[in-house]
Amino acid sequence: MSKIEPPPAGPVPFERELSLKLLGDMLRIRRLEEKAAQLYGEGKIRGFLHLYIGEEAVATGALHALDGEDNVVATYREHGHALVRGVPMQSIMAEMYGKREGCSRGRGGSMHLFDARTRLFGGNAIVGGGLPLAVGLALADALQRRQRVTACFFGEGAMAEGAFHESLNLAALWKLPVLFCCENNLYAMGTAIERSESQTDLCTKAAAYGVPTASVDGQDVVAVHEATRDAQREVRAGRGPFFVEYRTYRFRAHSMFDPELYRDKREIEAWKARGPLHTFSARLKAEGKLTEEEFLDLDRKVGAEVDQAVAFAESGAWEPVEDLARDLYAEETPRGT
């Protein structure tokens, strides 16, 4: 078992309002994911399901450092990103159910959440598939002289894909406004990073393309927020792309089909001691910014939101059979018209 850092500690340098917002969003992600796991076991949610439990500080801290007009490209483990970005929990749950009221009209499911209003451009089931999309979005913004940042989230396993190298190379060459956000949870599916990548220092790999980098404790929402805030300022100032590694860990298996035979249970428990929710709430309590009663009240409100999302999905409609071919093919225009 590799050496694990001590749990996040120290003062929280944020006002109480932001601190409680960060805590609330991490709690919303956790309770949504726990409910999704339960519903999957009941057969209400089908297909693939990749849970974000344990990694909540990354999406929460990073996305709160971005502007509302920025672009966000995520992976197939994107429920938390969608939720913090502003996609309603009801819409996310309905999408996982496959209902027409879902954010992708029930056609995408868990791995393909999309919401143009919040500029969430996926949800992508292909490992590394979002990287070239992010470069394209950033190129469009640069050509139109828009002051947007495109934040692209991906796992460390994607850094072994050709798309990563092509994307970093072009972004650096053209000084595109891309914030590359690597969620390093140490295991690409079931393969430990040291068994799949010859260079395990991810910042060194990114720096090879002349891209500035930062590595931060992904279990510490304070560190995540501050590092992302600083990185996006560099990108927004026109200095080109920036790479941030968030050292994090998923507490659950890769997906609901994963027997999880590749990592030591003691390692999982050691990382749980660094869990972002209880360490951050403990810091807030120690500073007088949160009481146990306030935490329990917040948890009750989040629970009610989850219950409402489930009820919304349960009452949703399936897409009519006659609409199944909709948006799949373009209608042919008759010649001579």
Protein backbone atom coordinates (compact mmCIF):
# COMPACT_ATOMS: atom_id res chain seq x y z
CA MET A 1 0.00 0.00 0.00
CA SER A 2 1.45 3.35 -1.06
CA LYS A 3 2.01 6.16 1.44
CA ILE A 4 -1.11 8.22 2.07
CA GLU A 5 -1.08 11.86 3.08
CA PRO A 6 -2.53 12.99 6.44
CA PRO A 7 -6.18 14.11 6.39
CA PRO A 8 -6.86 17.70 5.25
CA ALA A 9 -6.63 20.11 8.19
CA GLY A 10 -6.00 23.73 9.04
CA PRO A 11 -8.04 26.93 8.83
CA VAL A 12 -10.69 27.49 6.15
CA PRO A 13 -9.91 30.87 4.53
CA PHE A 14 -13.41 31.41 3.14
CA GLU A 15 -16.41 33.33 4.39
CA ARG A 16 -19.10 31.25 6.06
CA GLU A 17 -21.46 31.58 3.09
CA LEU A 18 -19.00 30.06 0.60
CA SER A 19 -17.87 27.45 3.12
CA LEU A 20 -21.42 26.21 3.65
CA LYS A 21 -22.07 26.26 -0.10
CA LEU A 22 -19.04 24.03 -0.69
CA LEU A 23 -20.09 21.68 2.09
CA GLY A 24 -23.67 21.61 0.84
CA ASP A 25 -22.69 20.73 -2.71
CA MET A 26 -20.37 17.94 -1.58
CA LEU A 27 -23.21 16.58 0.54
CA ARG A 28 -25.63 16.83 -2.40
CA ILE A 29 -23.25 14.81 -4.56
CA ARG A 30 -22.76 12.17 -1.86
CA ARG A 31 -26.46 11.66 -1.18
CA LEU A 32 -27.33 11.63 -4.89
CA GLU A 33 -24.71 8.97 -5.57
CA GLU A 34 -25.77 6.84 -2.61
CA LYS A 35 -29.37 6.94 -3.82
CA ALA A 36 -28.27 6.11 -7.38
CA ALA A 37 -26.44 3.02 -6.10
CA GLN A 38 -29.58 1.93 -4.24
CA LEU A 39 -31.79 2.47 -7.26
CA TYR A 40 -29.38 0.57 -9.47
CA GLY A 41 -29.67 -2.41 -7.14
CA GLU A 42 -33.46 -2.16 -7.43
CA GLY A 43 -33.28 -2.18 -11.23
CA LYS A 44 -34.62 1.37 -11.54
CA ILE A 45 -31.37 2.63 -13.09
CA ARG A 46 -29.81 0.42 -15.75
CA GLY A 47 -26.79 0.34 -18.01
CA PHE A 48 -23.46 1.56 -16.61
CA LEU A 49 -23.17 3.59 -13.42
CA HIS A 50 -19.91 5.13 -12.22
CA LEU A 51 -20.10 6.66 -8.76
CA TYR A 52 -18.20 9.75 -7.58
CA ILE A 53 -18.25 8.91 -3.87
CA GLY A 54 -14.97 10.06 -2.31
CA GLU A 55 -14.09 12.54 -5.07
CA GLU A 56 -16.69 15.20 -4.23
CA ALA A 57 -14.16 17.89 -3.32
CA VAL A 58 -12.78 18.01 -6.87
CA ALA A 59 -15.96 18.88 -8.77
CA THR A 60 -17.17 21.14 -5.96
CA GLY A 61 -14.00 23.11 -5.38
CA ALA A 62 -13.08 23.38 -9.04
CA LEU A 63 -16.44 24.34 -10.48
CA HIS A 64 -17.04 27.02 -7.86
CA ALA A 65 -13.84 28.66 -9.11
CA LEU A 66 -15.20 29.04 -12.66
CA ASP A 67 -17.55 31.59 -14.22
CA GLY A 68 -21.03 30.73 -15.40
CA GLU A 69 -20.09 31.38 -19.04
CA ASP A 70 -17.15 28.98 -18.98
CA ASN A 71 -17.38 25.62 -20.75
CA VAL A 72 -17.24 22.34 -18.84
CA VAL A 73 -16.38 18.98 -20.41
CA ALA A 74 -16.56 15.93 -18.15
CA THR A 75 -16.15 12.16 -18.16
CA TYR A 76 -18.56 9.28 -17.60
CA ARG A 77 -18.22 9.87 -13.81
CA GLU A 78 -19.93 13.24 -14.13
CA HIS A 79 -23.05 13.32 -11.94
CA GLY A 80 -21.28 15.58 -9.44
CA HIS A 81 -20.01 17.95 -12.09
CA ALA A 82 -23.48 18.32 -13.56
CA LEU A 83 -25.05 18.91 -10.16
CA VAL A 84 -22.56 21.57 -9.03
CA ARG A 85 -22.67 23.21 -12.44
CA GLY A 86 -26.38 23.86 -11.95
CA VAL A 87 -28.16 21.01 -13.71
CA PRO A 88 -31.24 20.30 -11.54
CA MET A 89 -31.03 17.07 -9.55
CA GLN A 90 -34.46 16.12 -10.90
CA SER A 91 -33.17 16.36 -14.46
CA ILE A 92 -30.12 14.26 -13.62
CA MET A 93 -32.16 11.56 -11.91
CA ALA A 94 -34.71 11.44 -14.73
CA GLU A 95 -31.86 11.00 -17.19
CA MET A 96 -30.45 8.09 -15.22
CA TYR A 97 -33.93 6.54 -15.25
CA GLY A 98 -34.02 6.99 -19.04
CA LYS A 99 -37.05 9.26 -18.88
CA ARG A 100 -37.93 11.93 -21.41
CA GLU A 101 -37.70 14.65 -18.75
CA GLY A 102 -33.97 13.98 -18.31
CA CYS A 103 -31.33 16.51 -19.34
CA SER A 104 -30.57 14.43 -22.46
CA ARG A 105 -34.21 13.38 -22.93
CA GLY A 106 -33.41 9.98 -21.46
CA ARG A 107 -31.21 9.03 -24.39
CA GLY A 108 -27.84 9.46 -22.73
CA GLY A 109 -28.27 7.91 -19.32
CA SER A 110 -25.68 8.11 -16.57
CA MET A 111 -22.64 8.61 -18.81
CA HIS A 112 -23.99 11.26 -21.18
CA LEU A 113 -25.40 14.12 -19.12
CA PHE A 114 -25.57 17.31 -21.20
CA ASP A 115 -27.03 20.74 -20.55
CA ALA A 116 -26.51 23.64 -22.94
CA ARG A 117 -27.98 26.16 -20.48
CA THR A 118 -25.20 25.56 -17.95
CA ARG A 119 -22.61 24.97 -20.70
CA LEU A 120 -22.03 21.38 -19.58
CA PHE A 121 -20.88 19.69 -22.79
CA GLY A 122 -20.92 16.06 -21.59
CA GLY A 123 -20.56 13.41 -20.08
CA ASN A 124 -18.42 11.29 -22.42
CA ALA A 125 -18.19 7.50 -22.32
CA ILE A 126 -14.92 7.40 -24.28
CA VAL A 127 -11.77 7.57 -22.15
CA GLY A 128 -10.06 10.81 -23.15
CA GLY A 129 -12.88 11.62 -25.58
CA GLY A 130 -13.57 15.00 -24.01
CA LEU A 131 -10.02 16.30 -24.47
CA PRO A 132 -10.19 17.13 -28.21
CA LEU A 133 -13.72 18.48 -27.73
CA ALA A 134 -12.39 20.90 -25.11
CA VAL A 135 -9.66 22.05 -27.48
CA GLY A 136 -12.29 22.67 -30.16
CA LEU A 137 -14.47 24.69 -27.81
CA ALA A 138 -11.49 26.75 -26.69
CA LEU A 139 -10.39 27.33 -30.29
CA ALA A 140 -13.87 28.63 -31.15
CA ASP A 141 -13.78 31.00 -28.19
CA ALA A 142 -10.29 32.22 -29.08
CA LEU A 143 -11.30 32.91 -32.69
CA GLN A 144 -14.39 34.79 -31.50
CA ARG A 145 -12.31 36.65 -28.88
CA ARG A 146 -14.55 35.47 -26.04
CA GLN A 147 -13.07 35.56 -22.55
CA ARG A 148 -14.11 32.02 -21.68
CA VAL A 149 -12.22 29.17 -20.09
CA THR A 150 -12.93 25.58 -21.07
CA ALA A 151 -12.44 23.24 -18.12
CA CYS A 152 -11.87 19.66 -19.20
CA PHE A 153 -12.07 16.92 -16.55
CA PHE A 154 -10.50 13.51 -17.15
CA GLY A 155 -8.92 10.68 -15.20
CA GLU A 156 -5.23 9.81 -15.05
CA GLY A 157 -5.91 6.82 -17.30
CA ALA A 158 -6.74 9.22 -20.14
CA MET A 159 -3.16 10.49 -20.01
CA ALA A 160 -2.05 7.21 -21.59
CA GLU A 161 -4.30 7.92 -24.58
CA GLY A 162 -3.08 9.57 -27.75
CA ALA A 163 -5.86 12.15 -27.53
CA PHE A 164 -4.26 13.59 -24.39
CA HIS A 165 -0.95 14.26 -26.11
CA GLU A 166 -2.54 15.63 -29.26
CA SER A 167 -4.82 17.91 -27.25
CA LEU A 168 -2.10 19.30 -24.97
CA ASN A 169 0.19 19.82 -27.92
CA LEU A 170 -2.35 21.86 -29.91
CA ALA A 171 -3.59 23.79 -26.87
CA ALA A 172 -0.03 24.78 -25.99
CA LEU A 173 0.94 25.53 -29.58
CA TRP A 174 -2.05 27.81 -30.13
CA LYS A 175 -2.20 29.15 -26.52
CA LEU A 176 -5.81 28.09 -26.17
CA PRO A 177 -7.82 28.83 -23.00
CA VAL A 178 -8.11 25.26 -21.72
CA LEU A 179 -7.92 24.28 -18.06
CA PHE A 180 -6.93 20.60 -18.05
CA CYS A 181 -8.30 19.05 -14.84
CA CYS A 182 -6.90 15.59 -14.13
CA GLU A 183 -8.77 13.65 -11.45
CA ASN A 184 -6.05 11.19 -10.44
CA ASN A 185 -7.80 8.49 -8.42
CA LEU A 186 -4.84 6.10 -8.92
CA TYR A 187 -6.76 3.38 -10.76
CA ALA A 188 -7.74 3.49 -14.44
CA MET A 189 -10.66 1.09 -14.13
CA GLY A 190 -8.81 -1.73 -12.35
CA THR A 191 -5.22 -0.91 -13.27
CA ALA A 192 -2.96 0.96 -10.85
CA ILE A 193 -1.16 3.92 -12.39
CA GLU A 194 2.31 2.42 -11.88
CA ARG A 195 1.25 -0.60 -13.93
CA SER A 196 -0.05 1.45 -16.88
CA GLU A 197 2.15 4.53 -17.19
CA SER A 198 5.96 4.66 -17.28
CA GLN A 199 5.94 8.28 -16.06
CA THR A 200 3.73 8.50 -12.98
CA ASP A 201 4.54 12.15 -12.28
CA LEU A 202 1.60 13.55 -14.20
CA CYS A 203 2.73 17.16 -13.96
CA THR A 204 6.03 16.21 -15.57
CA LYS A 205 4.14 14.58 -18.41
CA ALA A 206 2.02 17.69 -19.00
CA ALA A 207 4.99 20.04 -18.62
CA ALA A 208 6.68 18.26 -21.53
CA TYR A 209 4.35 20.28 -23.77
CA GLY A 210 5.33 23.58 -22.18
CA VAL A 211 2.11 23.72 -20.14
CA PRO A 212 2.33 25.15 -16.59
CA THR A 213 1.14 22.71 -13.94
CA ALA A 214 -0.01 22.37 -10.35
CA SER A 215 -0.65 19.32 -8.17
CA VAL A 216 -3.10 19.57 -5.28
CA ASP A 217 -4.74 17.39 -2.63
CA GLY A 218 -8.04 16.47 -4.25
CA GLN A 219 -9.59 15.49 -0.92
CA ASP A 220 -9.23 19.06 0.38
CA VAL A 221 -11.96 21.27 -1.07
CA VAL A 222 -10.09 24.37 0.10
CA ALA A 223 -6.91 23.40 -1.75
CA VAL A 224 -8.89 22.40 -4.83
CA HIS A 225 -10.78 25.68 -4.94
CA GLU A 226 -7.69 27.85 -4.45
CA ALA A 227 -5.57 25.95 -7.00
CA THR A 228 -8.33 26.04 -9.61
CA ARG A 229 -9.01 29.72 -8.96
CA ASP A 230 -5.36 30.57 -9.53
CA ALA A 231 -5.07 28.34 -12.61
CA GLN A 232 -8.16 29.71 -14.34
CA ARG A 233 -6.87 33.26 -13.81
CA GLU A 234 -3.74 32.35 -15.74
CA VAL A 235 -5.78 30.82 -18.55
CA ARG A 236 -8.24 33.72 -18.65
CA ALA A 237 -5.37 36.21 -18.86
CA GLY A 238 -4.44 34.75 -22.26
CA ARG A 239 -1.37 32.82 -21.16
CA GLY A 240 -2.55 29.57 -22.72
CA PRO A 241 -3.55 26.25 -21.14
CA PHE A 242 -2.92 25.11 -17.57
CA PHE A 243 -2.82 21.57 -16.13
CA VAL A 244 -3.98 20.75 -12.60
CA GLU A 245 -3.64 17.31 -11.01
CA TYR A 246 -6.16 16.59 -8.25
CA ARG A 247 -4.90 13.68 -6.12
CA THR A 248 -8.11 11.95 -5.17
CA TYR A 249 -9.65 8.51 -4.60
CA ARG A 250 -12.94 6.80 -5.30
CA PHE A 251 -14.32 4.90 -2.32
CA ARG A 252 -16.52 2.67 -4.45
CA ALA A 253 -15.69 0.32 -7.31
CA HIS A 254 -15.00 1.67 -10.80
CA SER A 255 -18.55 0.83 -11.85
CA MET A 256 -21.43 -1.25 -10.54
CA PHE A 257 -20.09 -4.22 -12.54
CA ASP A 258 -16.61 -4.04 -10.97
CA PRO A 259 -15.78 -6.88 -8.50
CA GLU A 260 -12.91 -4.68 -7.20
CA LEU A 261 -10.26 -7.36 -6.75
CA TYR A 262 -7.30 -5.12 -7.56
CA ARG A 263 -6.83 -3.01 -4.41
CA ASP A 264 -6.33 -3.67 -0.73
CA LYS A 265 -9.31 -3.04 1.56
CA ARG A 266 -6.94 -1.42 4.06
CA GLU A 267 -6.01 1.13 1.44
CA ILE A 268 -9.66 2.03 0.90
CA GLU A 269 -10.23 2.49 4.62
CA ALA A 270 -7.10 4.64 4.94
CA TRP A 271 -8.36 6.92 2.17
CA LYS A 272 -11.80 7.10 3.78
CA ALA A 273 -10.10 8.68 6.81
CA ARG A 274 -9.23 11.51 4.38
CA GLY A 275 -12.82 11.80 3.15
CA PRO A 276 -13.63 15.34 1.97
CA LEU A 277 -17.00 15.60 3.71
CA HIS A 278 -16.17 14.75 7.29
CA THR A 279 -12.75 16.44 7.29
CA PHE A 280 -14.13 19.70 5.91
CA SER A 281 -17.16 19.73 8.22
CA ALA A 282 -14.85 19.07 11.19
CA ARG A 283 -12.70 22.07 10.23
CA LEU A 284 -15.76 24.31 9.97
CA LYS A 285 -17.02 23.16 13.36
CA ALA A 286 -13.63 23.81 14.93
CA GLU A 287 -13.76 27.40 13.62
CA GLY A 288 -17.32 28.05 14.75
CA LYS A 289 -18.65 28.29 11.20
CA LEU A 290 -20.85 25.21 11.59
CA THR A 291 -22.68 23.40 14.37
CA GLU A 292 -23.75 19.77 14.44
CA GLU A 293 -27.39 20.87 14.38
CA GLU A 294 -26.76 22.97 11.27
CA PHE A 295 -25.05 20.03 9.58
CA LEU A 296 -27.96 17.71 10.35
CA ASP A 297 -30.44 20.31 9.09
CA LEU A 298 -28.45 20.67 5.87
CA ASP A 299 -28.42 16.89 5.48
CA ARG A 300 -32.20 16.76 5.93
CA LYS A 301 -32.69 19.39 3.22
CA VAL A 302 -30.42 17.47 0.86
CA GLY A 303 -32.32 14.28 1.63
CA ALA A 304 -35.59 16.00 0.74
CA GLU A 305 -34.07 17.20 -2.56
CA VAL A 306 -33.01 13.63 -3.38
CA ASP A 307 -36.49 12.31 -2.55
CA GLN A 308 -38.07 14.93 -4.81
CA ALA A 309 -35.69 14.01 -7.63
CA VAL A 310 -36.62 10.33 -7.34
CA ALA A 311 -40.33 11.15 -7.32
CA PHE A 312 -39.85 13.33 -10.41
CA ALA A 313 -38.04 10.52 -12.24
CA GLU A 314 -40.60 7.93 -11.17
CA SER A 315 -43.45 10.05 -12.55
CA GLY A 316 -41.62 10.83 -15.79
CA ALA A 317 -42.60 9.54 -19.21
CA TRP A 318 -40.85 7.10 -21.49
CA GLU A 319 -40.12 8.34 -24.98
CA PRO A 320 -42.83 7.24 -27.44
CA VAL A 321 -41.79 4.45 -29.79
CA GLU A 322 -42.58 6.61 -32.80
CA ASP A 323 -39.93 9.14 -31.64
CA LEU A 324 -37.08 6.65 -31.31
CA ALA A 325 -35.56 7.57 -34.68
CA ARG A 326 -35.82 11.30 -33.95
CA ASP A 327 -32.51 13.17 -34.30
CA LEU A 328 -30.76 10.08 -35.67
CA TYR A 329 -31.06 10.91 -39.34
CA ALA A 330 -31.40 14.13 -41.29
CA GLU A 331 -34.42 14.24 -43.54
CA GLU A 332 -33.46 14.20 -47.18
CA THR A 333 -34.32 17.36 -49.07
CA PRO A 334 -36.06 16.59 -52.36
CA ARG A 335 -33.99 17.50 -55.42
CA GLY A 336 -34.92 20.68 -57.19
CA THR A 337 -36.21 22.42 -54.06
